[in-house]
């Protein structure tokens, strides 16, 4: 039934928004008590869906975003150990899809299209994770949500790119991943630790 002011909000969508909002609050508020007063309902509701997923899923997504940014470098690898580590980190199908992207599909200047160099296989996961987290942070507009996320993920820092560019990169990764690894159902994070393991530098 529609109200006089317009259609009634979809109950399922409203419930999903509440779950995401609660998941983001569980993730950020315990880790950022000093910023809690600034992190209001509007800020929580503006959080992107990836900020509400469980820690392991967020870590995997950060790795995939990092691999997307690093794709120009990854394409030059001939080292089987580094390629195997990258495939294990982001998923072999996702890695192949990333590497198959033409350069024209990554419309970024060279200084933004790559992160730190990866010289050995044991550097693959830490560098891809840090690179991905930096892009995710950069995608959040300046404000309380970005400040709280940065505090929770310290020492991670936002990549030096405009938030619109970072969101474009994330959207490209989401589109690519949805084709090689279709999502099942929307999930909200369970009661979370103060910060994702990815942000604390622990193994995924």
Foldseek 3Di string as FASTA:
>chain_A
DQDPVGRDDDPVVVVVLVLQLVQLCLQQCVLCVVLVVFCDSVNSSPDDLLSFAALVSNQLLLLLLLCLLALVVVLPDPDPLQLVLSCVSNPVQSNVLSNPDDPVVLPDPPVRSHDDDDDDNVVSSLRSNLSSVQLVLQLDPDGSSSVRQCSLLPPRHHDPDHNVSSVVSSVVSVVSCCVVPNDDDRDGYDSDDNHRPSSVSHDD
